[in-house]
Amino acid sequence: MRAARGITSRAHPLWLAYILHRISGLGLALFLPLHFWVLALAMTDPARLDGFLTLTEAGVVKLAEFGLVFLLAVHMFGGLRIMALEWLPWSPSQKSLAAGATAASFLIACLFFLKAV
């Protein structure tokens, strides 16, 4: 398989951005059934929902929420990077944009975590 646009190594930052985008998409897809189940509890069994919501005050759950927000932000910025690759002319600054997107994602997740704690 031929490398696209001169990317010849899997250690290349854009390859790592691609992998991070894929992993974040899988993580979000795995989270969705749990999210829908909790939403269904709101309609079918409000008492169980209240019990579940008290569980969300635990520190481990807040840490998991940090991870979820990080995955969401990484996936969003990764998608924007992919759209930029498709619609804008190629430039060597793509590595910087990918690193900036990851840093922005981490900043958003940290701000959410600090507010949650």
N, C-alpha and C. Protein backbone atom coordinates (compact mmCIF):
# COMPACT_ATOMS: atom_id res chain seq x y z
N MET A 1 0.83 -1.18 0.00
CA MET A 1 0.00 0.00 0.00
C MET A 1 0.88 1.25 0.00
N ARG A 2 0.62 2.14 -0.89
CA ARG A 2 1.43 3.34 -1.03
C ARG A 2 1.04 4.40 -0.01
N ALA A 3 2.01 5.06 0.55
CA ALA A 3 1.74 6.11 1.55
C ALA A 3 1.19 7.35 0.86
N ALA A 4 0.21 7.96 1.49
CA ALA A 4 -0.41 9.15 0.93
C ALA A 4 0.38 10.40 1.31
N ARG A 5 0.61 11.25 0.34
CA ARG A 5 1.21 12.56 0.56
C ARG A 5 2.51 12.53 1.35
N GLY A 6 3.34 11.53 1.12
CA GLY A 6 4.66 11.51 1.71
C GLY A 6 4.73 10.97 3.13
N ILE A 7 3.63 10.48 3.68
CA ILE A 7 3.67 9.91 5.02
C ILE A 7 4.13 8.47 4.87
N THR A 8 5.32 8.18 5.36
CA THR A 8 5.90 6.86 5.14
C THR A 8 6.07 6.07 6.42
N SER A 9 5.76 6.64 7.56
CA SER A 9 6.01 5.96 8.82
C SER A 9 4.77 6.01 9.70
N ARG A 10 4.55 4.92 10.43
CA ARG A 10 3.44 4.92 11.37
C ARG A 10 3.76 5.71 12.62
N ALA A 11 4.98 6.18 12.75
CA ALA A 11 5.35 7.05 13.87
C ALA A 11 5.12 8.52 13.50
N HIS A 12 4.65 8.78 12.31
CA HIS A 12 4.40 10.15 11.86
C HIS A 12 3.24 10.73 12.68
N PRO A 13 3.33 12.01 13.06
CA PRO A 13 2.27 12.61 13.89
C PRO A 13 0.88 12.54 13.26
N LEU A 14 0.78 12.62 11.93
CA LEU A 14 -0.54 12.55 11.32
C LEU A 14 -1.10 11.13 11.37
N TRP A 15 -0.23 10.12 11.36
CA TRP A 15 -0.70 8.75 11.54
C TRP A 15 -1.24 8.58 12.97
N LEU A 16 -0.53 9.16 13.92
CA LEU A 16 -0.98 9.08 15.31
C LEU A 16 -2.30 9.84 15.48
N ALA A 17 -2.47 10.97 14.77
CA ALA A 17 -3.73 11.70 14.83
C ALA A 17 -4.86 10.85 14.25
N TYR A 18 -4.57 10.12 13.18
CA TYR A 18 -5.55 9.22 12.58
C TYR A 18 -5.97 8.14 13.58
N ILE A 19 -5.00 7.53 14.25
CA ILE A 19 -5.29 6.47 15.22
C ILE A 19 -6.08 7.04 16.40
N LEU A 20 -5.70 8.21 16.87
CA LEU A 20 -6.43 8.83 17.98
C LEU A 20 -7.87 9.13 17.58
N HIS A 21 -8.08 9.56 16.34
CA HIS A 21 -9.44 9.82 15.85
C HIS A 21 -10.25 8.53 15.81
N ARG A 22 -9.64 7.44 15.35
CA ARG A 22 -10.34 6.16 15.30
C ARG A 22 -10.67 5.64 16.70
N ILE A 23 -9.72 5.72 17.61
CA ILE A 23 -9.95 5.23 18.97
C ILE A 23 -11.02 6.05 19.67
N SER A 24 -11.00 7.37 19.46
CA SER A 24 -12.02 8.20 20.09
C SER A 24 -13.40 7.88 19.52
N GLY A 25 -13.48 7.59 18.24
CA GLY A 25 -14.77 7.20 17.65
C GLY A 25 -15.27 5.89 18.22
N LEU A 26 -14.36 4.92 18.40
CA LEU A 26 -14.77 3.65 19.00
C LEU A 26 -15.20 3.82 20.45
N GLY A 27 -14.48 4.64 21.20
CA GLY A 27 -14.84 4.89 22.59
C GLY A 27 -16.21 5.54 22.71
N LEU A 28 -16.49 6.50 21.84
CA LEU A 28 -17.80 7.14 21.86
C LEU A 28 -18.90 6.17 21.44
N ALA A 29 -18.61 5.32 20.48
CA ALA A 29 -19.60 4.33 20.05
C ALA A 29 -19.89 3.31 21.15
N LEU A 30 -18.89 2.97 21.93
CA LEU A 30 -19.11 2.05 23.05
C LEU A 30 -19.88 2.72 24.19
N PHE A 31 -19.74 4.04 24.32
CA PHE A 31 -20.44 4.77 25.37
C PHE A 31 -21.93 4.95 25.05
N LEU A 32 -22.28 5.05 23.79
CA LEU A 32 -23.66 5.37 23.41
C LEU A 32 -24.71 4.42 23.98
N PRO A 33 -24.53 3.09 23.96
CA PRO A 33 -25.57 2.23 24.54
C PRO A 33 -25.81 2.51 26.02
N LEU A 34 -24.75 2.78 26.79
CA LEU A 34 -24.92 3.12 28.20
C LEU A 34 -25.70 4.44 28.34
N HIS A 35 -25.38 5.39 27.52
CA HIS A 35 -26.06 6.68 27.55
C HIS A 35 -27.56 6.51 27.24
N PHE A 36 -27.86 5.73 26.21
CA PHE A 36 -29.27 5.50 25.86
C PHE A 36 -30.00 4.75 26.96
N TRP A 37 -29.32 3.83 27.62
CA TRP A 37 -29.93 3.08 28.72
C TRP A 37 -30.29 4.03 29.86
N VAL A 38 -29.39 4.95 30.19
CA VAL A 38 -29.67 5.92 31.27
C VAL A 38 -30.81 6.84 30.86
N LEU A 39 -30.86 7.25 29.61
CA LEU A 39 -31.97 8.08 29.15
C LEU A 39 -33.29 7.31 29.23
N ALA A 40 -33.25 6.03 28.94
CA ALA A 40 -34.46 5.21 29.05
C ALA A 40 -34.91 5.09 30.50
N LEU A 41 -33.96 5.05 31.42
CA LEU A 41 -34.31 5.01 32.84
C LEU A 41 -35.09 6.26 33.24
N ALA A 42 -34.78 7.38 32.66
CA ALA A 42 -35.49 8.62 32.99
C ALA A 42 -36.97 8.51 32.63
N MET A 43 -37.28 7.75 31.61
CA MET A 43 -38.68 7.61 31.19
C MET A 43 -39.39 6.44 31.87
N THR A 44 -38.64 5.37 32.16
CA THR A 44 -39.31 4.16 32.64
C THR A 44 -39.22 3.95 34.14
N ASP A 45 -38.12 4.33 34.76
CA ASP A 45 -37.92 4.06 36.18
C ASP A 45 -37.15 5.20 36.84
N PRO A 46 -37.84 6.29 37.19
CA PRO A 46 -37.15 7.45 37.76
C PRO A 46 -36.41 7.15 39.07
N ALA A 47 -36.88 6.19 39.85
CA ALA A 47 -36.20 5.86 41.11
C ALA A 47 -34.82 5.26 40.83
N ARG A 48 -34.73 4.36 39.84
CA ARG A 48 -33.42 3.79 39.47
C ARG A 48 -32.51 4.85 38.89
N LEU A 49 -33.10 5.79 38.15
CA LEU A 49 -32.30 6.88 37.59
C LEU A 49 -31.70 7.72 38.72
N ASP A 50 -32.48 8.01 39.75
CA ASP A 50 -31.95 8.77 40.88
C ASP A 50 -30.80 8.02 41.56
N GLY A 51 -30.94 6.70 41.70
CA GLY A 51 -29.86 5.89 42.28
C GLY A 51 -28.62 5.94 41.41
N PHE A 52 -28.82 5.89 40.10
CA PHE A 52 -27.68 5.95 39.19
C PHE A 52 -27.01 7.32 39.26
N LEU A 53 -27.81 8.37 39.35
CA LEU A 53 -27.24 9.72 39.39
C LEU A 53 -26.45 9.98 40.67
N THR A 54 -26.83 9.34 41.78
CA THR A 54 -26.02 9.47 43.00
C THR A 54 -24.67 8.78 42.83
N LEU A 55 -24.65 7.73 42.02
CA LEU A 55 -23.39 7.04 41.73
C LEU A 55 -22.43 7.94 40.96
N THR A 56 -22.98 8.85 40.17
CA THR A 56 -22.12 9.70 39.34
C THR A 56 -21.34 10.74 40.14
N GLU A 57 -21.59 10.84 41.42
CA GLU A 57 -20.82 11.77 42.26
C GLU A 57 -19.47 11.19 42.69
N ALA A 58 -19.24 9.92 42.40
CA ALA A 58 -17.96 9.29 42.77
C ALA A 58 -16.82 9.86 41.94
N GLY A 59 -15.64 9.90 42.54
CA GLY A 59 -14.47 10.44 41.86
C GLY A 59 -14.08 9.68 40.60
N VAL A 60 -14.25 8.37 40.65
CA VAL A 60 -13.90 7.54 39.48
C VAL A 60 -14.81 7.88 38.30
N VAL A 61 -16.07 8.16 38.57
CA VAL A 61 -17.01 8.51 37.50
C VAL A 61 -16.65 9.88 36.93
N LYS A 62 -16.25 10.79 37.78
CA LYS A 62 -15.83 12.11 37.29
C LYS A 62 -14.58 11.99 36.42
N LEU A 63 -13.69 11.09 36.78
CA LEU A 63 -12.52 10.84 35.94
C LEU A 63 -12.93 10.23 34.60
N ALA A 64 -13.91 9.33 34.63
CA ALA A 64 -14.42 8.76 33.39
C ALA A 64 -15.10 9.82 32.53
N GLU A 65 -15.77 10.77 33.15
CA GLU A 65 -16.38 11.87 32.41
C GLU A 65 -15.31 12.72 31.74
N PHE A 66 -14.19 12.93 32.44
CA PHE A 66 -13.06 13.63 31.84
C PHE A 66 -12.62 12.91 30.57
N GLY A 67 -12.49 11.58 30.67
CA GLY A 67 -12.10 10.80 29.50
C GLY A 67 -13.11 10.90 28.38
N LEU A 68 -14.38 10.90 28.73
CA LEU A 68 -15.42 11.00 27.72
C LEU A 68 -15.38 12.35 27.02
N VAL A 69 -15.23 13.43 27.79
CA VAL A 69 -15.15 14.76 27.17
C VAL A 69 -13.89 14.86 26.32
N PHE A 70 -12.79 14.28 26.78
CA PHE A 70 -11.57 14.27 25.97
C PHE A 70 -11.79 13.53 24.66
N LEU A 71 -12.42 12.35 24.72
CA LEU A 71 -12.69 11.61 23.49
C LEU A 71 -13.58 12.40 22.55
N LEU A 72 -14.59 13.05 23.10
CA LEU A 72 -15.50 13.84 22.27
C LEU A 72 -14.76 15.00 21.61
N ALA A 73 -13.95 15.71 22.37
CA ALA A 73 -13.21 16.84 21.81
C ALA A 73 -12.19 16.38 20.78
N VAL A 74 -11.47 15.28 21.07
CA VAL A 74 -10.49 14.75 20.11
C VAL A 74 -11.19 14.35 18.82
N HIS A 75 -12.33 13.70 18.95
CA HIS A 75 -13.03 13.24 17.76
C HIS A 75 -13.54 14.44 16.94
N MET A 76 -14.04 15.45 17.63
CA MET A 76 -14.53 16.63 16.92
C MET A 76 -13.38 17.35 16.20
N PHE A 77 -12.27 17.60 16.90
CA PHE A 77 -11.16 18.29 16.27
C PHE A 77 -10.50 17.41 15.19
N GLY A 78 -10.48 16.10 15.41
CA GLY A 78 -9.96 15.21 14.38
C GLY A 78 -10.81 15.24 13.12
N GLY A 79 -12.12 15.31 13.31
CA GLY A 79 -13.02 15.43 12.15
C GLY A 79 -12.82 16.74 11.42
N LEU A 80 -12.62 17.81 12.16
CA LEU A 80 -12.34 19.10 11.52
C LEU A 80 -11.02 19.05 10.76
N ARG A 81 -10.03 18.35 11.31
CA ARG A 81 -8.75 18.20 10.62
C ARG A 81 -8.92 17.43 9.32
N ILE A 82 -9.74 16.38 9.36
CA ILE A 82 -9.97 15.59 8.16
C ILE A 82 -10.70 16.42 7.10
N MET A 83 -11.68 17.21 7.54
CA MET A 83 -12.37 18.08 6.58
C MET A 83 -11.40 19.10 5.98
N ALA A 84 -10.48 19.61 6.79
CA ALA A 84 -9.48 20.54 6.27
C ALA A 84 -8.58 19.84 5.25
N LEU A 85 -8.23 18.59 5.52
CA LEU A 85 -7.40 17.84 4.56
C LEU A 85 -8.12 17.65 3.23
N GLU A 86 -9.43 17.44 3.29
CA GLU A 86 -10.19 17.20 2.07
C GLU A 86 -10.46 18.48 1.30
N TRP A 87 -10.69 19.58 1.99
CA TRP A 87 -11.14 20.78 1.31
C TRP A 87 -10.07 21.84 1.11
N LEU A 88 -9.01 21.79 1.88
CA LEU A 88 -7.96 22.81 1.76
C LEU A 88 -6.74 22.20 1.09
N PRO A 89 -5.93 23.03 0.44
CA PRO A 89 -4.70 22.49 -0.16
C PRO A 89 -3.75 22.00 0.93
N TRP A 90 -2.98 20.99 0.59
CA TRP A 90 -2.04 20.38 1.54
C TRP A 90 -0.97 21.39 1.92
N SER A 91 -0.62 21.39 3.20
CA SER A 91 0.48 22.22 3.65
C SER A 91 1.25 21.47 4.73
N PRO A 92 2.53 21.76 4.89
CA PRO A 92 3.32 21.08 5.91
C PRO A 92 2.86 21.40 7.34
N SER A 93 2.02 22.39 7.51
CA SER A 93 1.58 22.75 8.85
C SER A 93 0.49 21.82 9.38
N GLN A 94 0.15 20.77 8.64
CA GLN A 94 -0.88 19.83 9.09
C GLN A 94 -0.48 19.17 10.41
N LYS A 95 0.83 18.89 10.60
CA LYS A 95 1.28 18.32 11.87
C LYS A 95 1.01 19.27 13.02
N SER A 96 1.26 20.53 12.80
CA SER A 96 1.02 21.52 13.85
C SER A 96 -0.47 21.63 14.15
N LEU A 97 -1.29 21.58 13.13
CA LEU A 97 -2.74 21.64 13.34
C LEU A 97 -3.22 20.42 14.12
N ALA A 98 -2.68 19.25 13.81
CA ALA A 98 -3.08 18.03 14.52
C ALA A 98 -2.64 18.12 15.99
N ALA A 99 -1.44 18.60 16.23
CA ALA A 99 -0.97 18.74 17.62
C ALA A 99 -1.79 19.80 18.35
N GLY A 100 -2.12 20.88 17.68
CA GLY A 100 -2.94 21.91 18.29
C GLY A 100 -4.34 21.41 18.61
N ALA A 101 -4.90 20.59 17.73
CA ALA A 101 -6.22 20.02 17.99
C ALA A 101 -6.21 19.10 19.20
N THR A 102 -5.16 18.31 19.34
CA THR A 102 -5.05 17.43 20.51
C THR A 102 -4.87 18.26 21.78
N ALA A 103 -4.07 19.30 21.71
CA ALA A 103 -3.87 20.16 22.88
C ALA A 103 -5.16 20.87 23.26
N ALA A 104 -5.90 21.35 22.27
CA ALA A 104 -7.18 22.01 22.54
C ALA A 104 -8.17 21.03 23.16
N SER A 105 -8.16 19.79 22.68
CA SER A 105 -9.04 18.76 23.23
C SER A 105 -8.71 18.49 24.69
N PHE A 106 -7.43 18.40 24.99
CA PHE A 106 -7.01 18.15 26.37
C PHE A 106 -7.38 19.34 27.26
N LEU A 107 -7.23 20.55 26.74
CA LEU A 107 -7.59 21.74 27.52
C LEU A 107 -9.08 21.75 27.82
N ILE A 108 -9.90 21.44 26.83
CA ILE A 108 -11.35 21.41 27.04
C ILE A 108 -11.71 20.36 28.08
N ALA A 109 -11.12 19.18 27.98
CA ALA A 109 -11.41 18.11 28.93
C ALA A 109 -10.95 18.49 30.34
N CYS A 110 -9.79 19.13 30.46
CA CYS A 110 -9.31 19.55 31.78
C CYS A 110 -10.20 20.62 32.39
N LEU A 111 -10.66 21.56 31.58
CA LEU A 111 -11.57 22.58 32.09
C LEU A 111 -12.87 21.96 32.58
N PHE A 112 -13.38 20.99 31.84
CA PHE A 112 -14.59 20.29 32.26
C PHE A 112 -14.34 19.55 33.57
N PHE A 113 -13.20 18.89 33.67
CA PHE A 113 -12.88 18.13 34.89
C PHE A 113 -12.76 19.04 36.10
N LEU A 114 -12.11 20.19 35.92
CA LEU A 114 -11.96 21.13 37.04
C LEU A 114 -13.31 21.67 37.48
N LYS A 115 -14.20 21.88 36.54
CA LYS A 115 -15.53 22.36 36.90
C LYS A 115 -16.34 21.25 37.59
N ALA A 116 -16.13 20.01 37.17
CA ALA A 116 -16.88 18.88 37.75
C ALA A 116 -16.43 18.56 39.17
N VAL A 117 -15.16 18.82 39.46
CA VAL A 117 -14.63 18.51 40.80
C VAL A 117 -14.94 19.62 41.72
